[in-house]
Protein backbone atom coordinates (compact mmCIF):
# COMPACT_ATOMS: atom_id res chain seq x y z
CA MET A 1 0.00 0.00 0.00
CA LEU A 2 1.09 3.55 -0.76
CA GLU A 3 0.41 6.34 1.74
CA VAL A 4 1.22 9.98 0.94
CA THR A 5 0.74 12.36 3.87
CA GLN A 6 0.93 16.17 3.79
CA LEU A 7 3.32 16.05 0.84
CA ARG A 8 4.80 19.42 -0.07
CA VAL A 9 7.16 20.25 -2.93
CA VAL A 10 8.89 23.59 -3.45
CA TYR A 11 11.18 24.14 -6.44
CA PRO A 12 14.45 26.12 -6.11
CA ASN A 13 12.81 29.19 -7.65
CA GLY A 14 10.28 29.21 -4.81
CA TYR A 15 7.35 27.80 -6.77
CA GLU A 16 5.19 25.54 -4.57
CA ALA A 17 4.28 22.64 -6.85
CA LEU A 18 2.44 20.55 -4.23
CA LYS A 19 0.71 21.79 -1.09
CA SER A 20 0.00 19.31 1.72
CA ILE A 21 -1.14 16.41 -0.50
CA ASN A 22 -2.76 13.38 1.13
CA LEU A 23 -3.32 10.22 -0.89
CA THR A 24 -3.66 6.48 -0.27
CA VAL A 25 -3.48 3.75 -2.92
CA ARG A 26 -4.36 0.26 -1.73
CA ASP A 27 -3.14 -3.03 -3.15
CA GLY A 28 -4.76 -3.78 -6.48
CA GLU A 29 -6.33 -0.32 -6.70
CA ILE A 30 -6.09 1.78 -9.87
CA VAL A 31 -6.01 5.51 -9.11
CA ALA A 32 -6.04 8.10 -11.90
CA LEU A 33 -4.58 11.57 -11.31
CA ILE A 34 -6.21 14.22 -13.47
CA GLY A 35 -5.76 17.96 -13.77
CA ARG A 36 -4.48 20.57 -16.16
CA SER A 37 -0.82 20.72 -17.20
CA GLY A 38 1.31 22.10 -14.38
CA ALA A 39 -1.15 21.09 -11.66
CA GLY A 40 1.48 18.90 -9.94
CA LYS A 41 0.60 15.39 -11.18
CA SER A 42 4.01 14.47 -12.56
CA SER A 43 5.73 16.09 -9.60
CA MET A 44 3.89 13.70 -7.32
CA LEU A 45 5.05 10.65 -9.26
CA ARG A 46 8.66 11.87 -9.20
CA CYS A 47 8.45 12.35 -5.44
CA ILE A 48 7.07 8.85 -4.89
CA ASN A 49 9.92 7.37 -6.95
CA GLY A 50 12.51 9.44 -5.11
CA LEU A 51 13.40 11.57 -8.15
CA GLN A 52 12.16 14.84 -6.67
CA PRO A 53 13.14 16.13 -3.19
CA ILE A 54 10.23 17.01 -0.94
CA ALA A 55 9.87 20.01 1.35
CA GLY A 56 7.59 18.30 3.85
CA GLY A 57 5.36 15.33 4.59
CA SER A 58 5.97 11.63 4.07
CA ILE A 59 5.70 8.93 1.39
CA VAL A 60 5.26 5.44 2.82
CA LEU A 61 5.35 2.31 0.66
CA ASP A 62 4.58 -0.94 2.46
CA GLY A 63 5.46 0.67 5.79
CA LEU A 64 8.75 2.18 4.59
CA ASP A 65 9.09 5.99 4.49
CA VAL A 66 10.67 6.65 1.09
CA SER A 67 11.37 10.28 1.91
CA LYS A 68 13.81 9.36 4.71
CA LEU A 69 15.97 6.79 2.92
CA ASN A 70 19.63 7.08 2.02
CA ALA A 71 20.75 6.63 -1.58
CA ARG A 72 21.36 2.88 -1.29
CA ALA A 73 18.01 2.15 0.37
CA LEU A 74 16.24 4.40 -2.13
CA ALA A 75 17.76 2.41 -5.01
CA ASP A 76 16.28 -0.73 -3.48
CA VAL A 77 12.84 0.91 -3.35
CA ARG A 78 13.09 1.97 -6.99
CA ARG A 79 13.75 -1.66 -7.88
CA ARG A 80 10.28 -2.39 -6.52
CA VAL A 81 8.57 0.50 -8.32
CA GLY A 82 7.69 0.03 -11.98
CA PHE A 83 7.72 3.37 -13.81
CA ILE A 84 6.01 3.70 -17.20
CA TRP A 85 6.92 6.82 -19.15
CA GLN A 86 4.93 8.75 -21.72
CA GLU A 87 7.61 8.42 -24.42
CA TYR A 88 8.03 4.62 -24.09
CA ASN A 89 11.69 4.88 -22.98
CA VAL A 90 12.69 1.74 -24.89
CA VAL A 91 16.12 1.12 -26.43
CA GLU A 92 15.21 0.79 -30.08
CA ARG A 93 18.36 -1.05 -31.18
CA LEU A 94 17.69 -3.83 -28.65
CA THR A 95 15.23 -6.66 -29.08
CA VAL A 96 11.90 -6.58 -27.32
CA MET A 97 13.11 -9.34 -24.99
CA ASP A 98 16.28 -7.44 -24.07
CA ASN A 99 14.25 -4.31 -23.34
CA VAL A 100 12.03 -6.23 -20.95
CA LEU A 101 15.04 -7.86 -19.30
CA THR A 102 16.37 -4.41 -18.36
CA GLY A 103 13.60 -4.43 -15.78
CA ARG A 104 15.61 -7.12 -14.00
CA LEU A 105 18.84 -5.12 -13.75
CA GLY A 106 18.00 -3.85 -10.29
CA HIS A 107 17.84 -7.46 -9.08
CA ARG A 108 21.32 -8.37 -10.35
CA ARG A 109 24.75 -8.20 -8.76
CA ASP A 110 27.11 -5.59 -10.24
CA TRP A 111 29.16 -7.89 -12.44
CA GLN A 112 26.05 -9.55 -13.84
CA SER A 113 24.51 -6.20 -14.71
CA LEU A 114 27.66 -5.07 -16.49
CA VAL A 115 27.72 -8.07 -18.80
CA HIS A 116 23.92 -8.21 -19.14
CA PHE A 117 23.84 -11.77 -17.82
CA PHE A 118 20.35 -13.07 -17.25
CA GLY A 119 19.62 -16.57 -16.07
CA ARG A 120 16.85 -18.88 -17.16
CA GLY A 121 14.56 -17.80 -14.34
CA GLU A 122 14.80 -14.15 -15.27
CA ARG A 123 14.19 -14.90 -18.94
CA GLU A 124 11.08 -16.83 -17.97
CA ILE A 125 9.88 -13.81 -15.99
CA ALA A 126 10.45 -11.59 -19.05
CA LEU A 127 8.63 -14.00 -21.36
CA ARG A 128 5.66 -14.22 -19.00
CA SER A 129 5.57 -10.43 -18.82
CA LEU A 130 5.48 -10.19 -22.61
CA GLU A 131 2.74 -12.80 -22.75
CA ARG A 132 0.64 -10.74 -20.34
CA VAL A 133 0.64 -7.80 -22.76
CA HIS A 134 0.17 -9.96 -25.89
CA LEU A 135 3.67 -9.38 -27.28
CA LEU A 136 5.29 -12.78 -26.89
CA HIS A 137 5.39 -13.17 -30.68
CA ARG A 138 7.52 -10.02 -30.91
CA ALA A 139 10.19 -11.11 -28.39
CA THR A 140 13.06 -11.46 -30.87
CA GLN A 141 12.28 -8.38 -32.95
CA ARG A 142 14.10 -5.07 -32.56
CA ALA A 143 12.09 -2.44 -30.72
CA ASP A 144 12.45 0.05 -33.58
CA ARG A 145 10.13 -2.14 -35.67
CA LEU A 146 7.22 -1.76 -33.24
CA SER A 147 4.27 0.59 -33.36
CA GLY A 148 3.77 3.19 -30.65
CA GLY A 149 1.19 1.04 -28.88
CA GLU A 150 3.50 -1.97 -28.98
CA LYS A 151 6.39 0.06 -27.55
CA GLN A 152 4.21 1.15 -24.66
CA ARG A 153 3.27 -2.49 -24.06
CA VAL A 154 6.98 -3.26 -23.90
CA SER A 155 7.24 -0.58 -21.20
CA ILE A 156 4.44 -2.26 -19.26
CA ALA A 157 6.10 -5.68 -19.65
CA ARG A 158 9.41 -4.23 -18.44
CA ALA A 159 7.68 -2.82 -15.36
CA LEU A 160 6.05 -6.20 -14.72
CA ALA A 161 9.43 -7.92 -15.03
CA GLN A 162 10.54 -5.92 -12.00
CA GLN A 163 7.89 -7.78 -9.99
CA PRO A 164 6.94 -4.40 -8.56
CA ARG A 165 5.13 -3.49 -5.36
CA LEU A 166 3.88 -0.29 -7.03
CA ILE A 167 3.35 0.87 -10.61
CA LEU A 168 3.58 4.55 -11.56
CA ALA A 169 2.50 5.56 -15.07
CA ASP A 170 3.07 9.14 -16.23
CA GLU A 171 0.71 9.91 -19.13
CA PRO A 172 1.25 6.42 -20.61
CA VAL A 173 -1.17 6.89 -23.52
CA ALA A 174 -0.74 10.58 -24.33
CA SER A 175 1.22 9.79 -27.52
CA LEU A 176 -1.28 7.23 -28.85
CA ASP A 177 -4.45 7.50 -30.89
CA SER A 178 -7.78 6.73 -29.19
CA GLU A 179 -7.99 3.05 -30.16
CA LEU A 180 -4.42 2.26 -29.10
CA ALA A 181 -4.84 4.30 -25.93
CA TRP A 182 -7.85 2.21 -24.90
CA GLN A 183 -6.01 -1.04 -25.61
CA VAL A 184 -2.88 -0.04 -23.70
CA MET A 185 -4.88 1.17 -20.70
CA HIS A 186 -6.87 -2.07 -20.75
CA ASP A 187 -3.65 -4.13 -20.67
CA LEU A 188 -2.13 -2.00 -17.91
CA VAL A 189 -5.19 -2.15 -15.69
CA THR A 190 -5.73 -5.86 -16.29
CA VAL A 191 -2.23 -6.90 -15.25
CA SER A 192 -2.20 -4.48 -12.29
CA ARG A 193 -5.40 -5.97 -10.90
CA GLU A 194 -4.35 -9.55 -11.56
CA GLU A 195 -1.02 -8.96 -9.80
CA ASP A 196 -2.74 -6.99 -7.00
CA VAL A 197 -0.29 -4.10 -7.52
CA PRO A 198 -1.35 -0.57 -6.54
CA THR A 199 -1.17 1.61 -9.64
CA LEU A 200 -1.10 5.39 -9.90
CA VAL A 201 -1.66 6.84 -13.39
CA THR A 202 -1.51 10.47 -14.49
CA ILE A 203 -3.80 10.96 -17.46
CA HIS A 204 -5.33 13.80 -19.46
CA ALA A 205 -8.26 11.93 -21.01
CA VAL A 206 -11.02 12.12 -18.42
CA ASP A 207 -13.13 9.48 -20.15
CA LEU A 208 -10.25 7.00 -19.92
CA ALA A 209 -9.93 7.75 -16.22
CA ARG A 210 -13.66 7.17 -15.77
CA THR A 211 -13.53 3.90 -17.70
CA PHE A 212 -10.51 2.26 -16.08
CA ALA A 213 -9.83 3.77 -12.65
CA ASP A 214 -11.26 2.62 -9.33
CA ARG A 215 -10.73 6.13 -7.99
CA ILE A 216 -10.04 9.51 -9.53
CA VAL A 217 -7.99 12.18 -7.80
CA GLY A 218 -8.21 15.69 -9.22
CA ILE A 219 -5.38 18.15 -8.60
CA ALA A 220 -5.53 21.92 -9.12
CA GLU A 221 -2.70 24.32 -8.26
CA GLY A 222 -0.93 21.71 -6.14
CA ASN A 223 -3.99 20.74 -4.08
CA VAL A 224 -6.28 17.71 -4.13
CA VAL A 225 -9.70 19.14 -4.99
CA PHE A 226 -11.46 15.83 -5.74
CA ASP A 227 -10.96 12.27 -4.50
CA GLY A 228 -13.67 9.74 -5.21
CA PRO A 229 -15.11 7.05 -7.49
CA PRO A 230 -15.60 7.83 -11.20
CA ALA A 231 -19.37 8.00 -10.72
CA ASP A 232 -18.93 11.05 -8.45
CA LEU A 233 -16.88 13.02 -10.99
CA ASP A 234 -19.67 15.40 -11.96
CA GLU A 235 -19.65 18.85 -13.54
CA ARG A 236 -19.06 20.54 -10.22
CA ALA A 237 -15.99 18.39 -9.57
CA LEU A 238 -14.66 19.02 -13.08
CA ASP A 239 -15.11 22.75 -12.59
CA ALA A 240 -13.02 22.56 -9.40
CA ILE A 241 -10.26 20.63 -11.19
CA TYR A 242 -10.13 22.63 -14.42
CA ARG A 243 -11.47 26.05 -13.42
CA PHE A 244 -8.04 27.66 -13.87
CA ASP A 245 -7.73 26.31 -17.40
CA SER A 246 -9.05 28.54 -20.17
CA GLY A 247 -8.95 25.71 -22.73
CA PRO A 248 -11.43 22.86 -23.27
CA ARG A 249 -11.50 19.99 -20.81
CA PRO A 250 -9.54 17.00 -22.07
CA ILE A 251 -12.51 14.66 -22.42
CA ALA A 252 -12.26 12.35 -25.42
CA ALA A 253 -15.61 11.01 -26.54
CA ALA A 254 -13.86 8.24 -28.48
CA PHE A 255 -13.12 6.48 -25.17
CA SER A 256 -16.70 5.33 -24.63
CA ARG A 257 -16.06 1.59 -24.77
CA SER A 258 -16.73 -0.49 -21.72
CA THR A 259 -14.36 -2.96 -20.07
């Protein structure tokens, strides 16, 4: 379980990106973070993964306060956190299988990591991860031959190969068209629930959040202004989340399919 308590982030220029954020994500729960650009969604994910220093509060994963760890202990926590990036973050000259195996590097001793040695057990983990996202048939192909949706599935498989205790996904479908976005979100949510892994996803498409998330958390100007089930995300809640945004709300009608 992930517990964020009174989290505060202040950048060196004095800008307060997050203001006393409280958030809990339970095992197997899918939580979508929504809000306009600059609201603080990505900052929260970076804090949870130890990439962004915090000015106050605590981040507790399975009883361990991430915000108080030294560099070595923090590296161990990151090994247990699967991070899925918006821009795929795959090595295109490597095969799909080798990309997924990089998710095992944090589990290896130094000399094994340097020579990219992976035993049979780790290769079986990688193959199972690819099978979960329907890419087993692509295992030996180079990543540069994949479509955008397939590359993002490789990212999900790599995160699964870590055998994570938490999955963080930062706008994982922002670069995909509506059909591919739905498919990738479906795969991500399916494996997260089957593995009982708490998953926190930042996402712009409100309809996708409504379709796939167990809970939606809306952030505006560094504050949580909504936290509840998708059914409670009404016009009043949307106004609170997006009232500072002069542009249209990012609701994509194409995401109307049901899981």
